[in-house]
């Protein structure tokens, strides 16, 4: 099993006994290049960048990161742009892979995204992992003039346009939402035939869409208490869907994101009963990670929980994960026939 890290470009995260939240962290405490270089040195497999164009001050939309639906974001929220930061990080690092968690594809033009993320793959010499999603916040769609009800149809077309743009010499697409013909998109990404595309989804419909159009499923375990096999029914849907297409799952990735906090044995994260997801001592966190491996996950992307806005607290978590968690987690063999992250 590999361990990824959820970037703090939308602020440090914290949790209570139910939900995960994001702080409106000062930009001077974000320091994305310093954090990325530290994560690479600590041995994290990849770093994953969240995405929003705007943040509606008020929202009644159900936030899928928390099972309660409560929004993790503050009404006024500092957020750095994912693709811009990824381009900078690509030039400052050598090994760590760069992912999106997740790109809200339906309210952008897919040709623009195809160009930008091809550039990230080129600048990083083939380290892009593109997580995409339909988007959960209706008010944000309203702000950019896109009908939220169209998001799933637009997402499906976006994914196909990325693939064609990255692999075909002459690109055309006759769709319901996007329609063009005879264009070029050069150069192509370093990764062939395309960088991996993973669908961020926690629903049966999302599982079916991932099986049909993507290279993997990216599920969220971000609330404070989880069942490690929560999404096993989605895995069964994926297997059946791919079987109907004449495909297996040996080329399909199963990854997840989880809140996590490493502490000493006398900290409340270690002594809480029930204990929070991936919280506590190294031994306790490794126990949880082994259960994710048993559920078929070959990578867990950890959203490191901090008690303050301080980048130094984020760095401390990174260093401790590198020393106490990552070497042992790599010995865990995920169950099932799913593709393993490389």
Protein backbone atom coordinates (compact mmCIF):
# COMPACT_ATOMS: atom_id res chain seq x y z
CA UNK A 1 0.00 0.00 0.00
CA UNK A 2 1.13 3.53 -0.83
CA UNK A 3 0.31 6.68 1.14
CA UNK A 4 -0.61 9.95 -0.55
CA UNK A 5 -1.11 13.35 1.04
CA UNK A 6 -3.98 15.78 0.57
CA UNK A 7 -2.49 19.22 -0.10
CA UNK A 8 -3.17 22.11 2.28
CA UNK A 9 -3.73 24.65 -0.54
CA UNK A 10 -7.29 25.18 0.75
CA UNK A 11 -6.08 25.42 4.35
CA UNK A 12 -5.23 23.03 7.17
CA UNK A 13 -7.99 20.60 8.06
CA UNK A 14 -9.39 19.54 11.41
CA UNK A 15 -12.25 17.38 12.64
CA UNK A 16 -14.65 16.84 15.49
CA UNK A 17 -16.37 13.55 16.33
CA UNK A 18 -18.54 13.78 13.22
CA UNK A 19 -17.16 15.93 10.42
CA UNK A 20 -14.05 17.23 8.73
CA UNK A 21 -13.53 20.98 8.26
CA UNK A 22 -11.07 23.25 6.47
CA UNK A 23 -9.56 26.36 8.04
CA UNK A 24 -9.38 29.66 6.21
CA UNK A 25 -5.61 29.54 6.63
CA UNK A 26 -3.42 32.59 5.93
CA UNK A 27 -1.51 32.16 2.68
CA UNK A 28 1.83 32.55 4.46
CA UNK A 29 0.98 29.36 6.37
CA UNK A 30 0.20 27.39 3.20
CA UNK A 31 3.65 27.34 1.56
CA UNK A 32 2.77 24.74 -1.12
CA UNK A 33 6.28 24.30 -2.49
CA UNK A 34 7.79 23.71 0.94
CA UNK A 35 5.02 21.23 1.81
CA UNK A 36 5.38 19.34 -1.49
CA UNK A 37 9.16 19.02 -1.15
CA UNK A 38 8.78 17.80 2.44
CA UNK A 39 6.17 15.24 1.36
CA UNK A 40 8.47 13.95 -1.36
CA UNK A 41 11.39 13.66 1.07
CA UNK A 42 9.15 11.81 3.56
CA UNK A 43 8.24 9.17 0.97
CA UNK A 44 4.64 10.04 0.16
CA UNK A 45 3.59 8.51 -3.15
CA UNK A 46 1.64 11.54 -4.37
CA UNK A 47 0.20 14.90 -3.39
CA UNK A 48 -3.43 15.72 -4.24
CA UNK A 49 -4.77 19.23 -4.82
CA UNK A 50 -8.38 20.30 -4.13
CA UNK A 51 -10.30 22.43 -6.62
CA UNK A 52 -12.87 25.22 -6.57
CA UNK A 53 -13.30 28.30 -8.75
CA UNK A 54 -15.28 30.26 -6.18
CA UNK A 55 -16.73 29.80 -2.71
CA UNK A 56 -20.36 30.86 -2.29
CA UNK A 57 -20.71 32.65 1.03
CA UNK A 58 -23.78 30.60 1.84
CA UNK A 59 -24.65 27.13 0.61
CA UNK A 60 -27.44 24.64 1.17
CA UNK A 61 -25.75 21.96 -0.95
CA UNK A 62 -24.92 18.56 0.56
CA UNK A 63 -21.14 18.30 0.95
CA UNK A 64 -20.25 14.72 0.08
CA UNK A 65 -16.99 14.84 2.05
CA UNK A 66 -19.02 14.49 5.26
CA UNK A 67 -21.76 11.92 5.70
CA UNK A 68 -23.78 14.56 7.55
CA UNK A 69 -23.61 16.77 4.43
CA UNK A 70 -22.21 19.72 6.42
CA UNK A 71 -19.91 21.96 4.38
CA UNK A 72 -16.22 21.79 5.30
CA UNK A 73 -15.44 25.28 3.90
CA UNK A 74 -15.78 28.66 5.59
CA UNK A 75 -17.90 31.44 3.98
CA UNK A 76 -14.75 33.44 3.12
CA UNK A 77 -12.00 31.02 2.23
CA UNK A 78 -8.42 31.34 0.95
CA UNK A 79 -7.88 28.85 -1.89
CA UNK A 80 -4.95 28.48 -4.28
CA UNK A 81 -5.59 27.24 -7.80
CA UNK A 82 -4.72 23.57 -8.25
CA UNK A 83 -3.21 23.50 -11.73
CA UNK A 84 -1.07 26.61 -11.16
CA UNK A 85 0.40 25.15 -7.96
CA UNK A 86 0.93 21.77 -9.63
CA UNK A 87 2.98 23.40 -12.39
CA UNK A 88 5.22 25.04 -9.81
CA UNK A 89 5.53 21.87 -7.74
CA UNK A 90 6.44 19.89 -10.87
CA UNK A 91 9.55 22.03 -11.20
CA UNK A 92 10.56 21.73 -7.54
CA UNK A 93 10.18 17.95 -7.16
CA UNK A 94 11.49 14.87 -8.93
CA UNK A 95 9.51 11.81 -7.83
CA UNK A 96 6.22 12.55 -6.07
CA UNK A 97 3.16 12.18 -8.29
CA UNK A 98 0.69 15.07 -8.67
CA UNK A 99 -3.05 14.53 -8.43
CA UNK A 100 -6.30 16.51 -8.32
CA UNK A 101 -8.77 15.86 -5.51
CA UNK A 102 -10.83 16.36 -7.51
CA UNK A 103 -11.07 18.58 -10.58
CA UNK A 104 -14.66 19.82 -10.97
CA UNK A 105 -14.77 19.12 -14.69
CA UNK A 106 -18.34 20.05 -15.69
CA UNK A 107 -18.10 23.81 -15.18
CA UNK A 108 -14.92 24.29 -17.24
CA UNK A 109 -14.29 23.74 -20.92
CA UNK A 110 -12.60 20.33 -21.31
CA UNK A 111 -10.23 21.49 -24.05
CA UNK A 112 -8.81 24.11 -21.69
CA UNK A 113 -8.38 21.50 -18.96
CA UNK A 114 -6.83 19.04 -21.42
CA UNK A 115 -4.24 21.67 -22.36
CA UNK A 116 -3.45 22.66 -18.78
CA UNK A 117 -3.08 19.16 -17.40
CA UNK A 118 -1.10 17.96 -20.41
CA UNK A 119 1.28 20.78 -19.44
CA UNK A 120 1.48 19.48 -15.86
CA UNK A 121 2.27 15.99 -17.15
CA UNK A 122 4.98 17.39 -19.42
CA UNK A 123 6.52 19.61 -16.72
CA UNK A 124 6.56 16.72 -14.25
CA UNK A 125 7.87 14.19 -16.77
CA UNK A 126 4.79 11.99 -16.52
CA UNK A 127 3.65 12.29 -12.90
CA UNK A 128 0.04 13.46 -13.34
CA UNK A 129 -2.90 11.55 -11.84
CA UNK A 130 -6.15 13.30 -12.77
CA UNK A 131 -8.99 12.93 -10.29
CA UNK A 132 -12.27 14.25 -11.67
CA UNK A 133 -15.72 14.72 -10.21
CA UNK A 134 -19.19 16.02 -10.97
CA UNK A 135 -19.21 18.71 -8.27
CA UNK A 136 -21.43 18.95 -5.20
CA UNK A 137 -22.09 22.68 -4.72
CA UNK A 138 -24.99 23.97 -6.82
CA UNK A 139 -24.33 27.58 -5.87
CA UNK A 140 -20.83 27.40 -7.37
CA UNK A 141 -22.27 26.14 -10.67
CA UNK A 142 -24.76 29.02 -10.58
CA UNK A 143 -21.89 31.50 -10.19
CA UNK A 144 -20.26 30.36 -13.46
CA UNK A 145 -23.52 29.99 -15.40
CA UNK A 146 -23.59 26.20 -15.74
CA UNK A 147 -26.70 24.16 -14.91
CA UNK A 148 -25.87 21.89 -11.96
CA UNK A 149 -28.42 19.37 -13.26
CA UNK A 150 -26.23 18.84 -16.35
CA UNK A 151 -23.12 17.98 -14.37
CA UNK A 152 -23.04 14.21 -14.88
CA UNK A 153 -23.62 14.40 -18.62
CA UNK A 154 -21.00 17.10 -18.96
CA UNK A 155 -18.54 15.09 -16.85
CA UNK A 156 -18.85 12.04 -19.08
CA UNK A 157 -18.17 14.14 -22.18
CA UNK A 158 -15.24 15.90 -20.50
CA UNK A 159 -13.54 12.59 -19.72
CA UNK A 160 -13.85 11.43 -23.33
CA UNK A 161 -12.52 14.75 -24.62
CA UNK A 162 -9.47 14.52 -22.32
CA UNK A 163 -8.72 11.06 -23.68
CA UNK A 164 -9.11 12.08 -27.31
CA UNK A 165 -7.09 15.26 -26.85
CA UNK A 166 -4.25 13.34 -25.26
CA UNK A 167 -4.10 10.44 -27.72
CA UNK A 168 -5.47 11.40 -31.16
CA UNK A 169 -3.65 13.33 -33.88
CA UNK A 170 -6.87 15.01 -35.11
CA UNK A 171 -9.51 15.57 -32.45
CA UNK A 172 -13.26 15.82 -33.00
CA UNK A 173 -16.19 15.43 -30.63
CA UNK A 174 -19.90 15.51 -31.55
CA UNK A 175 -21.55 15.74 -28.13
CA UNK A 176 -24.61 17.17 -26.46
CA UNK A 177 -22.67 19.76 -24.48
CA UNK A 178 -19.42 20.06 -26.46
CA UNK A 179 -19.20 19.92 -30.23
CA UNK A 180 -16.09 20.55 -32.33
CA UNK A 181 -14.11 18.92 -35.09
CA UNK A 182 -10.70 18.81 -36.69
CA UNK A 183 -8.52 20.38 -34.02
CA UNK A 184 -5.05 19.48 -32.79
CA UNK A 185 -3.86 19.26 -29.19
CA UNK A 186 -0.08 19.05 -29.08
CA UNK A 187 2.18 18.06 -27.52
CA UNK A 188 0.68 14.96 -25.97
CA UNK A 189 1.25 14.01 -22.31
CA UNK A 190 4.34 12.00 -21.43
CA UNK A 191 2.20 9.10 -20.14
CA UNK A 192 0.81 6.83 -22.84
CA UNK A 193 -1.88 6.39 -23.93
CA UNK A 194 -3.03 9.00 -21.36
CA UNK A 195 -2.39 9.90 -17.72
CA UNK A 196 -4.64 7.89 -15.37
CA UNK A 197 -8.10 9.36 -14.83
CA UNK A 198 -9.88 8.52 -11.56
CA UNK A 199 -13.47 9.35 -10.72
CA UNK A 200 -14.20 10.79 -7.30
CA UNK A 201 -17.51 9.18 -6.34
CA UNK A 202 -19.29 7.49 -3.43
CA UNK A 203 -22.49 6.41 -5.20
CA UNK A 204 -23.60 3.46 -7.36
CA UNK A 205 -24.06 5.74 -10.36
CA UNK A 206 -20.55 7.09 -9.87
CA UNK A 207 -19.15 3.56 -9.58
CA UNK A 208 -20.76 2.58 -12.89
CA UNK A 209 -19.43 5.73 -14.55
CA UNK A 210 -15.92 5.07 -13.26
CA UNK A 211 -16.00 1.50 -14.57
CA UNK A 212 -17.09 2.64 -18.02
CA UNK A 213 -14.95 5.72 -18.56
CA UNK A 214 -12.09 5.88 -16.05
CA UNK A 215 -9.00 4.08 -14.80
CA UNK A 216 -10.03 3.95 -11.17
CA UNK A 217 -12.38 4.97 -8.36
CA UNK A 218 -11.44 7.55 -5.72
CA UNK A 219 -13.68 7.21 -2.66
CA UNK A 220 -13.89 9.52 0.36
CA UNK A 221 -13.59 8.38 3.98
CA UNK A 222 -13.21 11.93 5.32
CA UNK A 223 -15.75 11.90 8.13
CA UNK A 224 -14.42 11.08 11.57
CA UNK A 225 -15.72 7.52 11.98
CA UNK A 226 -15.87 5.12 9.05
CA UNK A 227 -16.47 1.51 8.14
CA UNK A 228 -13.43 0.39 6.17
CA UNK A 229 -15.53 -1.78 3.85
CA UNK A 230 -18.13 0.98 3.40
CA UNK A 231 -17.77 1.03 -0.38
CA UNK A 232 -17.41 -2.69 -1.04
CA UNK A 233 -20.86 -2.67 -2.75
CA UNK A 234 -19.43 -0.12 -5.20
CA UNK A 235 -16.58 -2.50 -5.95
CA UNK A 236 -19.09 -5.19 -6.85
CA UNK A 237 -20.88 -2.77 -9.19
CA UNK A 238 -17.57 -1.95 -10.88
CA UNK A 239 -16.71 -5.62 -11.34
CA UNK A 240 -20.10 -6.37 -12.92
CA UNK A 241 -20.00 -3.27 -15.12
CA UNK A 242 -16.55 -4.07 -16.44
CA UNK A 243 -17.46 -7.71 -16.95
CA UNK A 244 -20.37 -6.57 -19.14
CA UNK A 245 -17.80 -4.66 -21.22
CA UNK A 246 -15.54 -7.70 -21.52
CA UNK A 247 -13.03 -6.22 -19.06
CA UNK A 248 -11.59 -7.25 -15.72
CA UNK A 249 -10.36 -5.11 -12.84
CA UNK A 250 -6.65 -5.84 -13.18
CA UNK A 251 -6.20 -2.44 -14.86
CA UNK A 252 -8.53 -0.55 -12.51
CA UNK A 253 -7.28 1.38 -9.46
CA UNK A 254 -9.05 1.44 -6.11
CA UNK A 255 -7.88 4.37 -3.95
CA UNK A 256 -9.38 6.34 -1.08
CA UNK A 257 -8.93 9.52 0.93
CA UNK A 258 -9.06 9.57 4.73
CA UNK A 259 -8.56 12.08 7.52
CA UNK A 260 -5.53 11.16 9.64
CA UNK A 261 -3.58 12.46 12.61
CA UNK A 262 -0.51 10.92 14.23
CA UNK A 263 -0.07 11.62 17.93
CA UNK A 264 1.55 10.28 21.07
CA UNK A 265 -0.24 7.62 23.10
CA UNK A 266 -1.58 10.07 25.73
CA UNK A 267 -3.31 12.34 23.15
CA UNK A 268 -7.10 12.20 22.80
CA UNK A 269 -6.74 10.91 19.22
CA UNK A 270 -5.18 7.78 20.75
CA UNK A 271 -7.54 7.43 23.71
CA UNK A 272 -10.93 8.30 22.15
CA UNK A 273 -13.45 5.46 22.24
CA UNK A 274 -14.40 4.94 19.52
CA UNK A 275 -11.15 6.14 17.99
CA UNK A 276 -11.35 8.43 14.96
CA UNK A 277 -10.38 7.26 11.47
CA UNK A 278 -6.58 6.86 11.13
CA UNK A 279 -5.98 8.76 14.34
CA UNK A 280 -3.61 8.04 17.21
CA UNK A 281 -0.23 6.41 17.50
CA UNK A 282 1.64 4.97 14.55
CA UNK A 283 0.56 1.48 15.59
CA UNK A 284 -3.11 2.51 15.71
CA UNK A 285 -2.98 4.23 12.32
CA UNK A 286 -1.24 1.25 10.76
CA UNK A 287 -3.99 -0.98 12.13
CA UNK A 288 -6.53 1.15 10.27
CA UNK A 289 -4.47 1.24 7.08
CA UNK A 290 -4.20 -2.55 7.10
CA UNK A 291 -8.01 -2.69 7.16
CA UNK A 292 -8.15 -0.42 4.11
CA UNK A 293 -5.71 -2.79 2.38
CA UNK A 294 -7.97 -5.71 3.31
CA UNK A 295 -10.83 -3.80 1.68
CA UNK A 296 -8.85 -3.64 -1.59
CA UNK A 297 -7.27 -0.17 -1.46
CA UNK A 298 -3.74 0.15 -2.79
CA UNK A 299 -3.41 3.80 -1.75
CA UNK A 300 -4.91 5.97 0.97
CA UNK A 301 -4.54 9.73 0.54
CA UNK A 302 -4.23 11.20 4.03
CA UNK A 303 -5.73 14.57 4.90
CA UNK A 304 -3.49 15.43 7.83
CA UNK A 305 -5.43 16.94 10.72
CA UNK A 306 -3.95 19.99 12.43
CA UNK A 307 -5.01 21.87 15.56
CA UNK A 308 -3.83 25.23 14.16
CA UNK A 309 -3.22 27.04 10.86
CA UNK A 310 0.51 26.62 11.29
CA UNK A 311 2.52 25.14 8.42
CA UNK A 312 4.96 23.87 11.04
CA UNK A 313 2.24 21.58 12.42
CA UNK A 314 1.56 20.30 8.90
CA UNK A 315 5.30 19.68 8.46
CA UNK A 316 5.52 17.81 11.77
CA UNK A 317 2.72 15.47 10.64
CA UNK A 318 4.49 14.93 7.31
CA UNK A 319 7.80 14.07 8.95
CA UNK A 320 6.22 11.69 11.45
CA UNK A 321 4.28 9.89 8.71
CA UNK A 322 7.51 9.50 6.76
CA UNK A 323 9.34 8.00 9.71
CA UNK A 324 6.60 6.02 11.50
CA UNK A 325 3.89 5.13 8.97
CA UNK A 326 4.98 4.97 5.33
CA UNK A 327 7.73 2.29 5.54
CA UNK A 328 5.42 -0.22 7.24
CA UNK A 329 2.34 0.68 5.19
CA UNK A 330 4.28 -0.20 2.05
CA UNK A 331 4.48 -3.80 3.26
CA UNK A 332 0.68 -4.14 3.24
CA UNK A 333 -0.61 -6.13 0.26
CA UNK A 334 -4.07 -4.95 -0.84
CA UNK A 335 -6.57 -7.76 -1.37
CA UNK A 336 -8.32 -8.42 -4.63
CA UNK A 337 -7.34 -8.30 -8.27
CA UNK A 338 -7.37 -4.50 -8.54
CA UNK A 339 -4.44 -2.73 -10.18
CA UNK A 340 -1.83 -1.51 -7.71
CA UNK A 341 -0.61 2.08 -7.88
CA UNK A 342 2.88 2.50 -9.28
